[in-house]
PDB file of N, CA and C in Angstrom:
ATOM      1  N   MET A   1       0.924   1.691   8.591  1.00  0.00           N
ATOM      2  CA  MET A   1       0.686   2.949   7.940  1.00  0.00           C
ATOM      3  C   MET A   1       0.655   2.719   6.435  1.00  0.00           C
ATOM      4  N   LYS A   2      -0.228   3.478   5.788  1.00  0.00           N
ATOM      5  CA  LYS A   2      -0.334   3.388   4.337  1.00  0.00           C
ATOM      6  C   LYS A   2      -0.410   4.799   3.760  1.00  0.00           C
ATOM      7  N   PHE A   3       0.320   4.995   2.671  1.00  0.00           N
ATOM      8  CA  PHE A   3       0.296   6.270   1.971  1.00  0.00           C
ATOM      9  C   PHE A   3      -0.633   6.177   0.766  1.00  0.00           C
ATOM     10  N   TYR A   4      -1.239   7.299   0.427  1.00  0.00           N
ATOM     11  CA  TYR A   4      -2.141   7.366  -0.725  1.00  0.00           C
ATOM     12  C   TYR A   4      -2.264   8.820  -1.163  1.00  0.00           C
ATOM     13  N   ASP A   5      -2.834   9.017  -2.317  1.00  0.00           N
ATOM     14  CA  ASP A   5      -3.079  10.355  -2.845  1.00  0.00           C
ATOM     15  C   ASP A   5      -4.586  10.503  -3.010  1.00  0.00           C
ATOM     16  N   TYR A   6      -5.208  11.174  -2.043  1.00  0.00           N
ATOM     17  CA  TYR A   6      -6.670  11.245  -2.040  1.00  0.00           C
ATOM     18  C   TYR A   6      -7.211  11.937  -3.278  1.00  0.00           C
ATOM     19  N   GLU A   7      -6.541  12.996  -3.701  1.00  0.00           N
ATOM     20  CA  GLU A   7      -7.008  13.717  -4.891  1.00  0.00           C
ATOM     21  C   GLU A   7      -7.007  12.791  -6.110  1.00  0.00           C
ATOM     22  N   LYS A   8      -5.948  12.024  -6.266  1.00  0.00           N
ATOM     23  CA  LYS A   8      -5.867  11.077  -7.385  1.00  0.00           C
ATOM     24  C   LYS A   8      -6.961  10.017  -7.282  1.00  0.00           C
ATOM     25  N   LEU A   9      -7.178   9.497  -6.072  1.00  0.00           N
ATOM     26  CA  LEU A   9      -8.233   8.489  -5.878  1.00  0.00           C
ATOM     27  C   LEU A   9      -9.598   9.057  -6.228  1.00  0.00           C
ATOM     28  N   TRP A  10      -9.830  10.306  -5.831  1.00  0.00           N
ATOM     29  CA  TRP A  10     -11.115  10.966  -6.099  1.00  0.00           C
ATOM     30  C   TRP A  10     -11.324  11.126  -7.604  1.00  0.00           C
ATOM     31  N   ILE A  11     -10.282  11.563  -8.293  1.00  0.00           N
ATOM     32  CA  ILE A  11     -10.387  11.768  -9.738  1.00  0.00           C
ATOM     33  C   ILE A  11     -10.599  10.437 -10.460  1.00  0.00           C
ATOM     34  N   LEU A  12      -9.804   9.427 -10.118  1.00  0.00           N
ATOM     35  CA  LEU A  12      -9.937   8.115 -10.760  1.00  0.00           C
ATOM     36  C   LEU A  12     -11.321   7.514 -10.549  1.00  0.00           C
ATOM     37  N   SER A  13     -11.866   7.721  -9.367  1.00  0.00           N
ATOM     38  CA  SER A  13     -13.152   7.105  -9.018  1.00  0.00           C
ATOM     39  C   SER A  13     -14.353   7.943  -9.446  1.00  0.00           C
ATOM     40  N   HIS A  14     -14.112   9.149  -9.943  1.00  0.00           N
ATOM     41  CA  HIS A  14     -15.193  10.081 -10.286  1.00  0.00           C
ATOM     42  C   HIS A  14     -16.105  10.333  -9.093  1.00  0.00           C
ATOM     43  N   GLY A  15     -15.523  10.276  -7.891  1.00  0.00           N
ATOM     44  CA  GLY A  15     -16.275  10.538  -6.678  1.00  0.00           C
ATOM     45  C   GLY A  15     -17.102   9.366  -6.168  1.00  0.00           C
ATOM     46  N   ASN A  16     -16.998   8.220  -6.807  1.00  0.00           N
ATOM     47  CA  ASN A  16     -17.742   7.036  -6.380  1.00  0.00           C
ATOM     48  C   ASN A  16     -17.002   6.394  -5.198  1.00  0.00           C
ATOM     49  N   PRO A  17     -17.623   6.353  -4.006  1.00  0.00           N
ATOM     50  CA  PRO A  17     -16.932   5.839  -2.819  1.00  0.00           C
ATOM     51  C   PRO A  17     -16.449   4.400  -2.949  1.00  0.00           C
ATOM     52  N   THR A  18     -17.234   3.534  -3.561  1.00  0.00           N
ATOM     53  CA  THR A  18     -16.842   2.137  -3.699  1.00  0.00           C
ATOM     54  C   THR A  18     -15.611   2.021  -4.601  1.00  0.00           C
ATOM     55  N   ALA A  19     -15.599   2.748  -5.701  1.00  0.00           N
ATOM     56  CA  ALA A  19     -14.442   2.746  -6.599  1.00  0.00           C
ATOM     57  C   ALA A  19     -13.240   3.375  -5.911  1.00  0.00           C
ATOM     58  N   LEU A  20     -13.465   4.444  -5.151  1.00  0.00           N
ATOM     59  CA  LEU A  20     -12.375   5.100  -4.441  1.00  0.00           C
ATOM     60  C   LEU A  20     -11.696   4.125  -3.493  1.00  0.00           C
ATOM     61  N   LEU A  21     -12.471   3.354  -2.755  1.00  0.00           N
ATOM     62  CA  LEU A  21     -11.905   2.372  -1.825  1.00  0.00           C
ATOM     63  C   LEU A  21     -11.144   1.279  -2.566  1.00  0.00           C
ATOM     64  N   SER A  22     -11.637   0.894  -3.732  1.00  0.00           N
ATOM     65  CA  SER A  22     -10.948  -0.103  -4.537  1.00  0.00           C
ATOM     66  C   SER A  22      -9.583   0.429  -4.981  1.00  0.00           C
ATOM     67  N   TYR A  23      -9.550   1.665  -5.461  1.00  0.00           N
ATOM     68  CA  TYR A  23      -8.270   2.274  -5.855  1.00  0.00           C
ATOM     69  C   TYR A  23      -7.360   2.449  -4.646  1.00  0.00           C
ATOM     70  N   PHE A  24      -7.939   2.751  -3.485  1.00  0.00           N
ATOM     71  CA  PHE A  24      -7.143   2.906  -2.270  1.00  0.00           C
ATOM     72  C   PHE A  24      -6.423   1.599  -1.924  1.00  0.00           C
ATOM     73  N   ARG A  25      -7.127   0.483  -2.031  1.00  0.00           N
ATOM     74  CA  ARG A  25      -6.520  -0.812  -1.722  1.00  0.00           C
ATOM     75  C   ARG A  25      -5.319  -1.094  -2.622  1.00  0.00           C
ATOM     76  N   GLU A  26      -5.362  -0.603  -3.852  1.00  0.00           N
ATOM     77  CA  GLU A  26      -4.265  -0.810  -4.799  1.00  0.00           C
ATOM     78  C   GLU A  26      -3.163   0.231  -4.638  1.00  0.00           C
ATOM     79  N   SER A  27      -3.444   1.319  -3.965  1.00  0.00           N
ATOM     80  CA  SER A  27      -2.508   2.434  -3.826  1.00  0.00           C
ATOM     81  C   SER A  27      -1.396   2.105  -2.846  1.00  0.00           C
ATOM     82  N   SER A  28      -0.222   2.680  -3.078  1.00  0.00           N
ATOM     83  CA  SER A  28       0.884   2.458  -2.146  1.00  0.00           C
ATOM     84  C   SER A  28       1.767   3.688  -1.971  1.00  0.00           C
ATOM     85  N   LYS A  29       1.421   4.781  -2.641  1.00  0.00           N
ATOM     86  CA  LYS A  29       2.225   5.979  -2.472  1.00  0.00           C
ATOM     87  C   LYS A  29       1.363   7.218  -2.642  1.00  0.00           C
ATOM     88  N   GLY A  30       1.864   8.280  -2.067  1.00  0.00           N
ATOM     89  CA  GLY A  30       1.171   9.554  -2.140  1.00  0.00           C
ATOM     90  C   GLY A  30       1.550  10.421  -0.965  1.00  0.00           C
ATOM     91  N   VAL A  31       0.948  11.586  -0.893  1.00  0.00           N
ATOM     92  CA  VAL A  31       1.276  12.542   0.165  1.00  0.00           C
ATOM     93  C   VAL A  31       0.387  12.397   1.388  1.00  0.00           C
ATOM     94  N   ASN A  32      -0.685  11.641   1.273  1.00  0.00           N
ATOM     95  CA  ASN A  32      -1.613  11.443   2.380  1.00  0.00           C
ATOM     96  C   ASN A  32      -1.309  10.123   3.064  1.00  0.00           C
ATOM     97  N   PHE A  33      -1.775   9.991   4.312  1.00  0.00           N
ATOM     98  CA  PHE A  33      -1.463   8.776   5.055  1.00  0.00           C
ATOM     99  C   PHE A  33      -2.592   8.412   6.006  1.00  0.00           C
ATOM    100  N   ILE A  34      -2.669   7.128   6.278  1.00  0.00           N
ATOM    101  CA  ILE A  34      -3.554   6.606   7.307  1.00  0.00           C
ATOM    102  C   ILE A  34      -2.694   5.679   8.167  1.00  0.00           C
ATOM    103  N   VAL A  35      -2.721   5.897   9.455  1.00  0.00           N
ATOM    104  CA  VAL A  35      -1.890   5.114  10.365  1.00  0.00           C
ATOM    105  C   VAL A  35      -2.454   3.711  10.512  1.00  0.00           C
ATOM    106  N   ASN A  36      -3.757   3.619  10.660  1.00  0.00           N
ATOM    107  CA  ASN A  36      -4.406   2.344  10.947  1.00  0.00           C
ATOM    108  C   ASN A  36      -5.410   1.994   9.850  1.00  0.00           C
ATOM    109  N   GLN A  37      -4.923   1.512   8.723  1.00  0.00           N
ATOM    110  CA  GLN A  37      -5.839   1.173   7.635  1.00  0.00           C
ATOM    111  C   GLN A  37      -6.753   0.009   7.995  1.00  0.00           C
ATOM    112  N   LYS A  38      -6.356  -0.788   8.963  1.00  0.00           N
ATOM    113  CA  LYS A  38      -7.186  -1.898   9.437  1.00  0.00           C
ATOM    114  C   LYS A  38      -8.523  -1.395   9.996  1.00  0.00           C
ATOM    115  N   ALA A  39      -8.523  -0.151  10.466  1.00  0.00           N
ATOM    116  CA  ALA A  39      -9.756   0.436  10.996  1.00  0.00           C
ATOM    117  C   ALA A  39     -10.862   0.451   9.949  1.00  0.00           C
ATOM    118  N   LEU A  40     -10.503   0.670   8.697  1.00  0.00           N
ATOM    119  CA  LEU A  40     -11.507   0.672   7.637  1.00  0.00           C
ATOM    120  C   LEU A  40     -12.007  -0.729   7.337  1.00  0.00           C
ATOM    121  N   VAL A  41     -11.114  -1.699   7.416  1.00  0.00           N
ATOM    122  CA  VAL A  41     -11.504  -3.092   7.168  1.00  0.00           C
ATOM    123  C   VAL A  41     -12.416  -3.593   8.286  1.00  0.00           C
ATOM    124  N   ASP A  42     -12.055  -3.273   9.530  1.00  0.00           N
ATOM    125  CA  ASP A  42     -12.821  -3.747  10.682  1.00  0.00           C
ATOM    126  C   ASP A  42     -14.137  -2.997  10.871  1.00  0.00           C
ATOM    127  N   ALA A  43     -14.271  -1.841  10.253  1.00  0.00           N
ATOM    128  CA  ALA A  43     -15.477  -1.028  10.439  1.00  0.00           C
ATOM    129  C   ALA A  43     -16.564  -1.481   9.470  1.00  0.00           C
ATOM    130  N   PHE A  44     -17.027  -2.708   9.640  1.00  0.00           N
ATOM    131  CA  PHE A  44     -18.023  -3.282   8.745  1.00  0.00           C
ATOM    132  C   PHE A  44     -19.360  -2.554   8.795  1.00  0.00           C
ATOM    133  N   TRP A  45     -19.625  -1.821   9.844  1.00  0.00           N
ATOM    134  CA  TRP A  45     -20.877  -1.102   9.998  1.00  0.00           C
ATOM    135  C   TRP A  45     -20.889   0.214   9.221  1.00  0.00           C
ATOM    136  N   LEU A  46     -19.735   0.648   8.741  1.00  0.00           N
ATOM    137  CA  LEU A  46     -19.662   1.888   7.980  1.00  0.00           C
ATOM    138  C   LEU A  46     -20.007   1.641   6.516  1.00  0.00           C
ATOM    139  N   THR A  47     -20.617   2.628   5.909  1.00  0.00           N
ATOM    140  CA  THR A  47     -20.872   2.553   4.472  1.00  0.00           C
ATOM    141  C   THR A  47     -19.571   2.886   3.733  1.00  0.00           C
ATOM    142  N   ASP A  48     -19.537   2.559   2.453  1.00  0.00           N
ATOM    143  CA  ASP A  48     -18.373   2.920   1.645  1.00  0.00           C
ATOM    144  C   ASP A  48     -18.192   4.437   1.627  1.00  0.00           C
ATOM    145  N   ARG A  49     -19.284   5.156   1.623  1.00  0.00           N
ATOM    146  CA  ARG A  49     -19.196   6.626   1.649  1.00  0.00           C
ATOM    147  C   ARG A  49     -18.492   7.100   2.922  1.00  0.00           C
ATOM    148  N   GLU A  50     -18.872   6.556   4.072  1.00  0.00           N
ATOM    149  CA  GLU A  50     -18.248   6.957   5.334  1.00  0.00           C
ATOM    150  C   GLU A  50     -16.760   6.584   5.360  1.00  0.00           C
ATOM    151  N   LYS A  51     -16.416   5.441   4.781  1.00  0.00           N
ATOM    152  CA  LYS A  51     -15.006   5.040   4.717  1.00  0.00           C
ATOM    153  C   LYS A  51     -14.221   5.993   3.809  1.00  0.00           C
ATOM    154  N   ALA A  52     -14.804   6.345   2.671  1.00  0.00           N
ATOM    155  CA  ALA A  52     -14.147   7.284   1.751  1.00  0.00           C
ATOM    156  C   ALA A  52     -14.019   8.662   2.400  1.00  0.00           C
ATOM    157  N   GLU A  53     -15.042   9.079   3.132  1.00  0.00           N
ATOM    158  CA  GLU A  53     -14.966  10.360   3.849  1.00  0.00           C
ATOM    159  C   GLU A  53     -13.852  10.329   4.891  1.00  0.00           C
ATOM    160  N   TYR A  54     -13.690   9.211   5.571  1.00  0.00           N
ATOM    161  CA  TYR A  54     -12.629   9.091   6.571  1.00  0.00           C
ATOM    162  C   TYR A  54     -11.259   9.244   5.925  1.00  0.00           C
ATOM    163  N   LEU A  55     -11.078   8.632   4.764  1.00  0.00           N
ATOM    164  CA  LEU A  55      -9.812   8.807   4.041  1.00  0.00           C
ATOM    165  C   LEU A  55      -9.618  10.265   3.655  1.00  0.00           C
ATOM    166  N   GLY A  56     -10.708  10.923   3.277  1.00  0.00           N
ATOM    167  CA  GLY A  56     -10.634  12.342   2.945  1.00  0.00           C
ATOM    168  C   GLY A  56     -10.267  13.187   4.155  1.00  0.00           C
ATOM    169  N   ILE A  57     -10.834  12.871   5.295  1.00  0.00           N
ATOM    170  CA  ILE A  57     -10.516  13.587   6.533  1.00  0.00           C
ATOM    171  C   ILE A  57      -9.053  13.366   6.896  1.00  0.00           C
ATOM    172  N   CYS A  58      -8.608  12.127   6.823  1.00  0.00           N
ATOM    173  CA  CYS A  58      -7.197  11.820   7.115  1.00  0.00           C
ATOM    174  C   CYS A  58      -6.261  12.557   6.172  1.00  0.00           C
ATOM    175  N   SER A  59      -6.699  12.765   4.941  1.00  0.00           N
ATOM    176  CA  SER A  59      -5.826  13.411   3.952  1.00  0.00           C
ATOM    177  C   SER A  59      -5.571  14.884   4.264  1.00  0.00           C
ATOM    178  N   LEU A  60      -6.328  15.462   5.155  1.00  0.00           N
ATOM    179  CA  LEU A  60      -6.159  16.875   5.512  1.00  0.00           C
ATOM    180  C   LEU A  60      -5.050  17.084   6.537  1.00  0.00           C
ATOM    181  N   ARG A  61      -4.571  16.001   7.130  1.00  0.00           N
ATOM    182  CA  ARG A  61      -3.547  16.106   8.175  1.00  0.00           C
ATOM    183  C   ARG A  61      -2.179  16.425   7.608  1.00  0.00           C
ATOM    184  N   SER A  62      -1.319  16.887   8.500  1.00  0.00           N
ATOM    185  CA  SER A  62       0.063  17.189   8.141  1.00  0.00           C
ATOM    186  C   SER A  62       0.958  16.003   8.499  1.00  0.00           C
ATOM    187  N   TYR A  63       1.661  15.471   7.505  1.00  0.00           N
ATOM    188  CA  TYR A  63       2.585  14.372   7.766  1.00  0.00           C
ATOM    189  C   TYR A  63       3.768  14.858   8.604  1.00  0.00           C
ATOM    190  N   ASP A  64       4.159  16.111   8.427  1.00  0.00           N
ATOM    191  CA  ASP A  64       5.236  16.679   9.249  1.00  0.00           C
ATOM    192  C   ASP A  64       4.859  16.672  10.729  1.00  0.00           C
ATOM    193  N   ASP A  65       3.595  16.992  11.038  1.00  0.00           N
ATOM    194  CA  ASP A  65       3.147  16.943  12.431  1.00  0.00           C
ATOM    195  C   ASP A  65       3.223  15.528  12.982  1.00  0.00           C
ATOM    196  N   TYR A  66       2.918  14.563  12.137  1.00  0.00           N
ATOM    197  CA  TYR A  66       3.001  13.173  12.572  1.00  0.00           C
ATOM    198  C   TYR A  66       4.458  12.783  12.841  1.00  0.00           C
ATOM    199  N   LEU A  67       5.338  13.136  11.921  1.00  0.00           N
ATOM    200  CA  LEU A  67       6.751  12.785  12.081  1.00  0.00           C
ATOM    201  C   LEU A  67       7.390  13.476  13.285  1.00  0.00           C
ATOM    202  N   ASN A  68       7.113  14.756  13.440  1.00  0.00           N
ATOM    203  CA  ASN A  68       7.776  15.544  14.491  1.00  0.00           C
ATOM    204  C   ASN A  68       7.145  15.403  15.869  1.00  0.00           C
ATOM    205  N   TYR A  69       5.827  15.240  15.921  1.00  0.00           N
ATOM    206  CA  TYR A  69       5.125  15.252  17.209  1.00  0.00           C
ATOM    207  C   TYR A  69       4.268  14.014  17.454  1.00  0.00           C
ATOM    208  N   ASN A  70       4.297  13.058  16.513  1.00  0.00           N
ATOM    209  CA  ASN A  70       3.471  11.862  16.597  1.00  0.00           C
ATOM    210  C   ASN A  70       1.982  12.213  16.707  1.00  0.00           C
ATOM    211  N   GLU A  71       1.588  13.298  16.060  1.00  0.00           N
ATOM    212  CA  GLU A  71       0.211  13.796  16.091  1.00  0.00           C
ATOM    213  C   GLU A  71      -0.597  13.119  14.989  1.00  0.00           C
ATOM    214  N   VAL A  72      -1.626  12.385  15.389  1.00  0.00           N
ATOM    215  CA  VAL A  72      -2.457  11.690  14.402  1.00  0.00           C
ATOM    216  C   VAL A  72      -3.808  12.369  14.196  1.00  0.00           C
ATOM    217  N   ASP A  73      -4.130  13.332  15.027  1.00  0.00           N
ATOM    218  CA  ASP A  73      -5.423  14.001  14.922  1.00  0.00           C
ATOM    219  C   ASP A  73      -5.336  15.191  13.975  1.00  0.00           C
ATOM    220  N   LEU A  74      -6.475  15.761  13.665  1.00  0.00           N
ATOM    221  CA  LEU A  74      -6.579  16.842  12.688  1.00  0.00           C
ATOM    222  C   LEU A  74      -6.880  18.155  13.396  1.00  0.00           C
ATOM    223  N   SER A  75      -5.969  19.099  13.255  1.00  0.00           N
ATOM    224  CA  SER A  75      -6.187  20.430  13.809  1.00  0.00           C
ATOM    225  C   SER A  75      -7.304  21.114  13.029  1.00  0.00           C
ATOM    226  N   LEU A  76      -8.168  21.812  13.738  1.00  0.00           N
ATOM    227  CA  LEU A  76      -9.259  22.532  13.070  1.00  0.00           C
ATOM    228  C   LEU A  76      -8.721  23.568  12.089  1.00  0.00           C
ATOM    229  N   ASP A  77      -7.520  24.061  12.337  1.00  0.00           N
ATOM    230  CA  ASP A  77      -6.907  25.043  11.444  1.00  0.00           C
ATOM    231  C   ASP A  77      -6.604  24.463  10.060  1.00  0.00           C
ATOM    232  N   LEU A  78      -6.498  23.161   9.952  1.00  0.00           N
ATOM    233  CA  LEU A  78      -6.150  22.520   8.686  1.00  0.00           C
ATOM    234  C   LEU A  78      -7.367  22.197   7.818  1.00  0.00           C
ATOM    235  N   ILE A  79      -8.558  22.461   8.320  1.00  0.00           N
ATOM    236  CA  ILE A  79      -9.768  22.145   7.560  1.00  0.00           C
ATOM    237  C   ILE A  79     -10.077  23.304   6.613  1.00  0.00           C
ATOM    238  N   PRO A  80     -10.032  23.065   5.306  1.00  0.00           N
ATOM    239  CA  PRO A  80     -10.326  24.132   4.343  1.00  0.00           C
ATOM    240  C   PRO A  80     -11.791  24.551   4.403  1.00  0.00           C
ATOM    241  N   ASP A  81     -12.071  25.756   3.960  1.00  0.00           N
ATOM    242  CA  ASP A  81     -13.437  26.298   3.992  1.00  0.00           C
ATOM    243  C   ASP A  81     -14.418  25.482   3.169  1.00  0.00           C
ATOM    244  N   TRP A  82     -13.936  24.823   2.120  1.00  0.00           N
ATOM    245  CA  TRP A  82     -14.839  24.089   1.244  1.00  0.00           C
ATOM    246  C   TRP A  82     -15.266  22.733   1.809  1.00  0.00           C
ATOM    247  N   VAL A  83     -14.695  22.319   2.937  1.00  0.00           N
ATOM    248  CA  VAL A  83     -15.088  21.051   3.572  1.00  0.00           C
ATOM    249  C   VAL A  83     -16.161  21.355   4.619  1.00  0.00           C
ATOM    250  N   PRO A  84     -17.371  20.816   4.445  1.00  0.00           N
ATOM    251  CA  PRO A  84     -18.420  21.065   5.437  1.00  0.00           C
ATOM    252  C   PRO A  84     -18.031  20.472   6.799  1.00  0.00           C
ATOM    253  N   LEU A  85     -18.027  21.296   7.829  1.00  0.00           N
ATOM    254  CA  LEU A  85     -17.683  20.815   9.171  1.00  0.00           C
ATOM    255  C   LEU A  85     -18.634  19.722   9.641  1.00  0.00           C
ATOM    256  N   SER A  86     -19.867  19.749   9.152  1.00  0.00           N
ATOM    257  CA  SER A  86     -20.838  18.732   9.565  1.00  0.00           C
ATOM    258  C   SER A  86     -20.383  17.329   9.164  1.00  0.00           C
ATOM    259  N   VAL A  87     -19.716  17.208   8.014  1.00  0.00           N
ATOM    260  CA  VAL A  87     -19.221  15.900   7.575  1.00  0.00           C
ATOM    261  C   VAL A  87     -18.192  15.380   8.564  1.00  0.00           C
ATOM    262  N   ILE A  88     -17.318  16.264   9.014  1.00  0.00           N
ATOM    263  CA  ILE A  88     -16.255  15.856   9.927  1.00  0.00           C
ATOM    264  C   ILE A  88     -16.793  15.655  11.340  1.00  0.00           C
ATOM    265  N   LYS A  89     -17.604  16.583  11.802  1.00  0.00           N
ATOM    266  CA  LYS A  89     -18.084  16.516  13.184  1.00  0.00           C
ATOM    267  C   LYS A  89     -19.086  15.392  13.412  1.00  0.00           C
ATOM    268  N   ASN A  90     -19.806  14.990  12.378  1.00  0.00           N
ATOM    269  CA  ASN A  90     -20.816  13.945  12.533  1.00  0.00           C
ATOM    270  C   ASN A  90     -20.337  12.563  12.100  1.00  0.00           C
ATOM    271  N   HIS A  91     -19.084  12.455  11.720  1.00  0.00           N
ATOM    272  CA  HIS A  91     -18.568  11.174  11.247  1.00  0.00           C
ATOM    273  C   HIS A  91     -18.407  10.217  12.431  1.00  0.00           C
ATOM    274  N   PRO A  92     -18.786   8.940  12.269  1.00  0.00           N
ATOM    275  CA  PRO A  92     -18.708   7.983  13.381  1.00  0.00           C
ATOM    276  C   PRO A  92     -17.288   7.680  13.865  1.00  0.00           C
ATOM    277  N   LEU A  93     -16.266   7.979  13.075  1.00  0.00           N
ATOM    278  CA  LEU A  93     -14.888   7.690  13.493  1.00  0.00           C
ATOM    279  C   LEU A  93     -14.134   8.943  13.940  1.00  0.00           C
ATOM    280  N   THR A  94     -14.858  10.037  14.166  1.00  0.00           N
ATOM    281  CA  THR A  94     -14.222  11.270  14.628  1.00  0.00           C
ATOM    282  C   THR A  94     -14.908  11.790  15.879  1.00  0.00           C
ATOM    283  N   LYS A  95     -14.150  12.558  16.651  1.00  0.00           N
ATOM    284  CA  LYS A  95     -14.698  13.193  17.845  1.00  0.00           C
ATOM    285  C   LYS A  95     -14.163  14.629  17.886  1.00  0.00           C
ATOM    286  N   PRO A  96     -15.054  15.605  17.721  1.00  0.00           N
ATOM    287  CA  PRO A  96     -14.600  16.998  17.716  1.00  0.00           C
ATOM    288  C   PRO A  96     -14.301  17.516  19.125  1.00  0.00           C
ATOM    289  N   THR A  97     -13.273  18.355  19.219  1.00  0.00           N
ATOM    290  CA  THR A  97     -12.977  19.104  20.440  1.00  0.00           C
ATOM    291  C   THR A  97     -12.909  20.578  20.041  1.00  0.00           C
ATOM    292  N   ASN A  98     -12.514  21.435  20.956  1.00  0.00           N
ATOM    293  CA  ASN A  98     -12.431  22.863  20.650  1.00  0.00           C
ATOM    294  C   ASN A  98     -11.313  23.206  19.680  1.00  0.00           C
ATOM    295  N   SER A  99     -10.268  22.383  19.626  1.00  0.00           N
ATOM    296  CA  SER A  99      -9.112  22.731  18.802  1.00  0.00           C
ATOM    297  C   SER A  99      -8.784  21.717  17.707  1.00  0.00           C
ATOM    298  N   LYS A 100      -9.352  20.523  17.812  1.00  0.00           N
ATOM    299  CA  LYS A 100      -9.013  19.506  16.816  1.00  0.00           C
ATOM    300  C   LYS A 100     -10.121  18.471  16.679  1.00  0.00           C
ATOM    301  N   ILE A 101      -9.955  17.677  15.644  1.00  0.00           N
ATOM    302  CA  ILE A 101     -10.831  16.532  15.420  1.00  0.00           C
ATOM    303  C   ILE A 101     -10.012  15.296  15.762  1.00  0.00           C
ATOM    304  N   ILE A 102     -10.482  14.550  16.733  1.00  0.00           N
ATOM    305  CA  ILE A 102      -9.796  13.319  17.127  1.00  0.00           C
ATOM    306  C   ILE A 102     -10.226  12.208  16.178  1.00  0.00           C
ATOM    307  N   LEU A 103      -9.259  11.585  15.540  1.00  0.00           N
ATOM    308  CA  LEU A 103      -9.523  10.466  14.638  1.00  0.00           C
ATOM    309  C   LEU A 103      -9.421   9.190  15.479  1.00  0.00           C
ATOM    310  N   LEU A 104     -10.571   8.700  15.882  1.00  0.00           N
ATOM    311  CA  LEU A 104     -10.659   7.674  16.910  1.00  0.00           C
ATOM    312  C   LEU A 104      -9.893   6.389  16.587  1.00  0.00           C
ATOM    313  N   LYS A 105      -9.831   6.001  15.348  1.00  0.00           N
ATOM    314  CA  LYS A 105      -9.181   4.735  14.985  1.00  0.00           C
ATOM    315  C   LYS A 105      -7.707   4.887  14.645  1.00  0.00           C
ATOM    316  N   GLU A 106      -7.166   6.088  14.723  1.00  0.00           N
ATOM    317  CA  GLU A 106      -5.761   6.304  14.418  1.00  0.00           C
ATOM    318  C   GLU A 106      -4.872   6.161  15.650  1.00  0.00           C
ATOM    319  N   HIS A 107      -5.476   6.063  16.797  1.00  0.00           N
ATOM    320  CA  HIS A 107      -4.727   5.915  18.050  1.00  0.00           C
ATOM    321  C   HIS A 107      -4.523   4.419  18.321  1.00  0.00           C
ATOM    322  N   ILE A 108      -3.430   3.891  17.807  1.00  0.00           N
ATOM    323  CA  ILE A 108      -3.179   2.455  17.977  1.00  0.00           C
ATOM    324  C   ILE A 108      -1.965   2.229  18.876  1.00  0.00           C
TER     325      ILE A 108
END
């Protein structure tokens, strides 16, 4: 598991996915988390944009839900209105259901 601050990464990188990933590799603390950071390394077929989007999707999750219920997926209720659902639903590392977005590489 790795912690990071997606908002800080976004600001530092000026929205550039390649720079964001570089800052992510150097990051070690924050309010956001990814359970399986190796998934991004092994996903050589993904673009830097898709990897940065995945970190953004992961950042929407509740760490309390993970601690209390071992929940690694994203409830649809946690997706803010300003996040286009198409980005989440069409992402290669996610699978939408009626109530949540399954983060396929977080189930380790």
